[in-house]
Amino acid sequence: MEMINQIILALVQGITEFLPVSSSGHLALLQNIFGEVNISFDVFLHFATLLAIITYFYKDICNIIKDFLILNTKSKNFRLAIYLIIASIPAAIFGFLLSNYISYFFLDISLLAITFTLSGIFLFAASRIKKNKALNIKNTFVVGLAQALAILPGLSRSGATISTGILMGIKKNEAIRFSFLLAIPAIIGATMLKMDGLSFTFSLVIPFFVTFISGLFSIHLLMKFIKQENLKYFAYYCWLIALLLIGLSISKII
């Protein structure tokens, strides 16, 4: 893969990982345009976004780990750690069972059109809901199921988890924060599953840092933007991408 293509993919990954528009779907679309699909490269870029999340939420993560290790059962951080563990179980199971089949979705543009459409439906439905429930075992587990489904490219992980959280009644701010923290074990798990296929070369250093820096920048902006703006605009964007994918699929047939 040419360096310019790698940098474009890295920049797109860093920005779209934290938008509810599916980073994996965008990578799949671009790789189809570039004529080369590299799942290992995608996993490598996801690892860069993992470091961006850990850097941004460093204090939160330290507090959660500390209260969990000392078994401070009365603290919110301890309960949050339990909810994160529970919500991570579905993605761990789905990821293990389906890891050998995900590449087919990267290769099939028509399937990507379907998953982008579903992402838009999730987001639009969530834009109509306004409730204020606290995190609990039930709603966080359902959020975990949504994250498991978002293993498929085109189904936005952040979009699915944030939307599902809001649909389950979780306050928007809580749903957003929980979604970001839930990404940490998910990305670690995805990286471990594909570790055998990863091969590090010096040429990957630049794409890695492009993703990391753009990811940090995106989190900083989007934590404010998503809290204030309506999710329906992201739904419209997903549907627009779905139409683009349908057009590309038809052009290939013709």
Foldseek 3Di string as FASTA:
>chain_A
DDLVLLQVLLLLLLQCLLPLFFSLQVSLVSCVVVVHDDVQSVLLSLVLLLVLLCVVCVVLVVVLVVCCVVVVVVDPSNQLVVLLVLLQVLLLVLCVVCVVPLVVLSVDLLSLLVLLLVLLVLQVVLLVAAADDADDNVQSNVLSNQLNVSVHGNRRNLSSQLSSSSVVRHHNLVSNVSSSVSSNVSSVSNCVVCVVVHDDDPSCPVSSVSSNVSNNVNCVVVSVVVNPDGSNVSSVVSNVVSVVSVVVVVVVVD
